[in-house]
């Protein structure tokens, strides 16, 4: 039973793991929302294109002006921050 479960878990991980590219994004704006959450707007470049996105963070401090971004090479608009 454990071998079968391990096999299906391995297949699930293979199916969910999409290729991700990594780059540095520059934070363009920081603001605090009504709930006290930090809203970060950032920009990153892929080839000749510049992409902008934002993310709301709770209970986080981002002391730097640049952050690591993970994105899909096929669709860079689908990105998320990689915070320590």
N, C-alpha and C. Protein backbone atom coordinates (compact mmCIF):
# COMPACT_ATOMS: atom_id res chain seq x y z
N UNK A 1 0.82 -1.20 0.00
CA UNK A 1 0.00 0.00 0.00
C UNK A 1 0.87 1.27 0.00
N UNK A 2 1.94 1.26 0.80
CA UNK A 2 2.81 2.43 0.87
C UNK A 2 3.51 2.68 -0.45
N UNK A 3 3.87 1.59 -1.15
CA UNK A 3 4.55 1.74 -2.43
C UNK A 3 3.62 2.37 -3.46
N UNK A 4 2.37 1.96 -3.44
CA UNK A 4 1.39 2.52 -4.39
C UNK A 4 1.15 3.99 -4.09
N UNK A 5 0.99 4.32 -2.81
CA UNK A 5 0.78 5.71 -2.42
C UNK A 5 1.99 6.57 -2.79
N UNK A 6 3.19 6.05 -2.55
CA UNK A 6 4.41 6.78 -2.91
C UNK A 6 4.50 7.00 -4.42
N UNK A 7 4.11 6.00 -5.19
CA UNK A 7 4.14 6.11 -6.64
C UNK A 7 3.18 7.20 -7.12
N UNK A 8 1.96 7.22 -6.58
CA UNK A 8 0.99 8.24 -6.99
C UNK A 8 1.41 9.63 -6.54
N UNK A 9 2.03 9.72 -5.38
CA UNK A 9 2.54 11.01 -4.91
C UNK A 9 3.65 11.51 -5.84
N UNK A 10 4.52 10.62 -6.27
CA UNK A 10 5.59 10.97 -7.20
C UNK A 10 5.00 11.45 -8.53
N UNK A 11 3.98 10.75 -9.04
CA UNK A 11 3.34 11.17 -10.28
C UNK A 11 2.66 12.53 -10.13
N UNK A 12 2.05 12.78 -9.00
CA UNK A 12 1.41 14.07 -8.75
C UNK A 12 2.44 15.19 -8.73
N UNK A 13 3.58 14.96 -8.11
CA UNK A 13 4.63 15.98 -8.09
C UNK A 13 5.17 16.26 -9.49
N UNK A 14 5.32 15.23 -10.30
CA UNK A 14 5.78 15.43 -11.67
C UNK A 14 4.76 16.23 -12.48
N UNK A 15 3.49 15.95 -12.27
CA UNK A 15 2.44 16.64 -13.02
C UNK A 15 2.34 18.11 -12.61
N UNK A 16 2.57 18.41 -11.35
CA UNK A 16 2.41 19.78 -10.86
C UNK A 16 3.64 20.64 -11.07
N UNK A 17 4.78 20.04 -11.25
CA UNK A 17 5.99 20.84 -11.35
C UNK A 17 6.13 21.40 -12.76
N UNK A 18 5.90 22.67 -12.87
CA UNK A 18 6.06 23.36 -14.16
C UNK A 18 7.43 24.02 -14.17
N UNK A 19 7.95 24.23 -15.35
CA UNK A 19 9.24 24.89 -15.47
C UNK A 19 9.11 26.33 -14.99
N UNK A 20 10.03 26.75 -14.15
CA UNK A 20 10.02 28.10 -13.61
C UNK A 20 11.35 28.76 -13.93
N UNK A 21 11.28 30.01 -14.32
CA UNK A 21 12.48 30.82 -14.52
C UNK A 21 12.56 31.80 -13.34
N UNK A 22 13.74 32.30 -13.10
CA UNK A 22 13.97 33.18 -11.96
C UNK A 22 14.70 34.43 -12.42
N UNK A 23 14.30 35.57 -11.87
CA UNK A 23 14.97 36.83 -12.16
C UNK A 23 14.80 37.76 -10.96
N UNK A 24 15.42 38.91 -11.02
CA UNK A 24 15.29 39.90 -9.96
C UNK A 24 14.30 40.97 -10.41
N UNK A 25 13.44 41.36 -9.49
CA UNK A 25 12.47 42.42 -9.75
C UNK A 25 12.78 43.60 -8.84
N UNK A 26 12.54 44.78 -9.35
CA UNK A 26 12.76 46.00 -8.58
C UNK A 26 11.43 46.49 -8.02
N UNK A 27 11.41 46.76 -6.73
CA UNK A 27 10.20 47.25 -6.07
C UNK A 27 10.01 48.71 -6.46
N UNK A 28 8.84 49.02 -6.99
CA UNK A 28 8.56 50.39 -7.42
C UNK A 28 7.72 51.15 -6.41
N UNK A 29 6.93 50.42 -5.58
CA UNK A 29 6.08 51.11 -4.62
C UNK A 29 5.77 50.18 -3.46
N UNK A 30 5.77 50.77 -2.26
CA UNK A 30 5.34 50.07 -1.05
C UNK A 30 4.22 50.89 -0.43
N UNK A 31 3.16 50.22 0.00
CA UNK A 31 2.08 50.92 0.69
C UNK A 31 1.44 49.96 1.69
N UNK A 32 0.70 50.53 2.62
CA UNK A 32 0.02 49.74 3.64
C UNK A 32 -1.48 49.87 3.44
N UNK A 33 -2.16 48.74 3.43
CA UNK A 33 -3.61 48.73 3.24
C UNK A 33 -4.33 48.98 4.55
N UNK A 34 -5.67 48.95 4.49
CA UNK A 34 -6.48 49.21 5.68
C UNK A 34 -6.29 48.14 6.75
N UNK A 35 -6.05 46.93 6.34
CA UNK A 35 -5.87 45.83 7.29
C UNK A 35 -4.44 45.76 7.82
N UNK A 36 -3.60 46.70 7.42
CA UNK A 36 -2.22 46.72 7.88
C UNK A 36 -1.30 45.82 7.09
N UNK A 37 -1.77 45.33 5.96
CA UNK A 37 -0.95 44.47 5.11
C UNK A 37 -0.10 45.32 4.17
N UNK A 38 1.07 44.81 3.87
CA UNK A 38 2.00 45.50 2.99
C UNK A 38 1.69 45.16 1.54
N UNK A 39 1.51 46.19 0.70
CA UNK A 39 1.29 46.00 -0.73
C UNK A 39 2.56 46.42 -1.45
N UNK A 40 3.13 45.49 -2.22
CA UNK A 40 4.37 45.76 -2.96
C UNK A 40 4.07 45.71 -4.44
N UNK A 41 4.46 46.76 -5.16
CA UNK A 41 4.40 46.77 -6.62
C UNK A 41 5.82 46.60 -7.12
N UNK A 42 5.99 45.73 -8.11
CA UNK A 42 7.33 45.45 -8.61
C UNK A 42 7.33 45.28 -10.12
N UNK A 43 8.50 45.47 -10.72
CA UNK A 43 8.69 45.33 -12.17
C UNK A 43 9.88 44.42 -12.42
N UNK A 44 9.75 43.60 -13.47
CA UNK A 44 10.87 42.76 -13.88
C UNK A 44 10.89 42.67 -15.39
N UNK A 45 12.06 42.40 -15.91
CA UNK A 45 12.28 42.37 -17.36
C UNK A 45 12.54 40.93 -17.80
N UNK A 46 11.85 40.54 -18.88
CA UNK A 46 12.08 39.24 -19.53
C UNK A 46 12.35 39.55 -20.99
N UNK A 47 13.59 39.38 -21.40
CA UNK A 47 13.96 39.73 -22.77
C UNK A 47 13.84 41.23 -22.95
N UNK A 48 13.05 41.64 -23.94
CA UNK A 48 12.83 43.07 -24.19
C UNK A 48 11.55 43.58 -23.56
N UNK A 49 10.80 42.74 -22.87
CA UNK A 49 9.51 43.12 -22.29
C UNK A 49 9.65 43.42 -20.81
N UNK A 50 8.90 44.43 -20.36
CA UNK A 50 8.87 44.82 -18.96
C UNK A 50 7.51 44.44 -18.40
N UNK A 51 7.49 43.70 -17.29
CA UNK A 51 6.25 43.25 -16.67
C UNK A 51 6.11 43.89 -15.30
N UNK A 52 4.90 44.29 -14.96
CA UNK A 52 4.60 44.87 -13.66
C UNK A 52 3.58 43.98 -12.96
N UNK A 53 3.73 43.86 -11.65
CA UNK A 53 2.80 43.07 -10.86
C UNK A 53 2.82 43.60 -9.44
N UNK A 54 1.92 43.13 -8.62
CA UNK A 54 1.89 43.54 -7.22
C UNK A 54 1.49 42.34 -6.37
N UNK A 55 1.80 42.45 -5.09
CA UNK A 55 1.49 41.37 -4.16
C UNK A 55 1.22 41.96 -2.80
N UNK A 56 0.23 41.41 -2.12
CA UNK A 56 -0.09 41.84 -0.77
C UNK A 56 0.49 40.83 0.22
N UNK A 57 1.21 41.34 1.20
CA UNK A 57 1.89 40.49 2.17
C UNK A 57 1.39 40.78 3.57
N UNK A 58 1.22 39.73 4.35
CA UNK A 58 0.83 39.89 5.75
C UNK A 58 1.98 39.42 6.62
N UNK A 59 2.29 40.19 7.63
CA UNK A 59 3.32 39.85 8.61
C UNK A 59 4.69 39.63 7.97
N UNK A 60 5.04 40.45 7.01
CA UNK A 60 6.34 40.35 6.34
C UNK A 60 6.99 41.72 6.28
N UNK A 61 8.31 41.71 6.29
CA UNK A 61 9.10 42.91 6.09
C UNK A 61 10.03 42.62 4.92
N UNK A 62 10.05 43.52 3.95
CA UNK A 62 10.94 43.38 2.80
C UNK A 62 11.88 44.57 2.84
N UNK A 63 13.09 44.39 3.38
CA UNK A 63 13.99 45.53 3.57
C UNK A 63 14.77 45.94 2.33
N UNK A 64 14.72 45.14 1.27
CA UNK A 64 15.53 45.42 0.08
C UNK A 64 14.70 46.07 -1.01
N UNK A 65 15.38 46.66 -1.99
CA UNK A 65 14.70 47.28 -3.12
C UNK A 65 14.50 46.32 -4.29
N UNK A 66 15.01 45.11 -4.16
CA UNK A 66 14.80 44.11 -5.21
C UNK A 66 14.48 42.77 -4.56
N UNK A 67 13.69 41.98 -5.26
CA UNK A 67 13.27 40.67 -4.77
C UNK A 67 13.40 39.65 -5.89
N UNK A 68 13.42 38.39 -5.54
CA UNK A 68 13.47 37.32 -6.53
C UNK A 68 12.06 36.98 -6.99
N UNK A 69 11.90 36.86 -8.30
CA UNK A 69 10.60 36.53 -8.88
C UNK A 69 10.72 35.21 -9.63
N UNK A 70 9.75 34.33 -9.44
CA UNK A 70 9.65 33.09 -10.20
C UNK A 70 8.50 33.24 -11.17
N UNK A 71 8.72 32.84 -12.43
CA UNK A 71 7.67 32.98 -13.43
C UNK A 71 7.79 31.86 -14.45
N UNK A 72 6.72 31.67 -15.18
CA UNK A 72 6.70 30.68 -16.25
C UNK A 72 7.27 31.31 -17.51
N UNK A 73 8.25 30.69 -18.16
CA UNK A 73 8.80 31.27 -19.40
C UNK A 73 7.75 31.38 -20.51
N UNK A 74 6.76 30.52 -20.49
CA UNK A 74 5.71 30.58 -21.50
C UNK A 74 4.77 31.75 -21.26
N UNK A 75 4.55 32.11 -19.99
CA UNK A 75 3.65 33.21 -19.65
C UNK A 75 4.21 33.98 -18.45
N UNK A 76 5.08 34.96 -18.68
CA UNK A 76 5.70 35.70 -17.57
C UNK A 76 4.71 36.50 -16.72
N UNK A 77 3.50 36.73 -17.21
CA UNK A 77 2.52 37.46 -16.41
C UNK A 77 2.11 36.67 -15.16
N UNK A 78 2.26 35.36 -15.20
CA UNK A 78 1.97 34.52 -14.04
C UNK A 78 3.25 34.41 -13.22
N UNK A 79 3.41 35.32 -12.29
CA UNK A 79 4.64 35.36 -11.50
C UNK A 79 4.29 35.40 -10.02
N UNK A 80 5.26 35.04 -9.20
CA UNK A 80 5.11 35.19 -7.77
C UNK A 80 6.48 35.43 -7.15
N UNK A 81 6.45 36.09 -6.02
CA UNK A 81 7.69 36.45 -5.33
C UNK A 81 8.23 35.26 -4.55
N UNK A 82 9.52 35.17 -4.49
CA UNK A 82 10.19 34.17 -3.67
C UNK A 82 10.86 34.91 -2.53
N UNK A 83 10.20 34.93 -1.39
CA UNK A 83 10.70 35.67 -0.23
C UNK A 83 11.34 34.71 0.76
N UNK A 84 12.41 35.15 1.41
CA UNK A 84 13.07 34.28 2.41
C UNK A 84 12.22 34.09 3.65
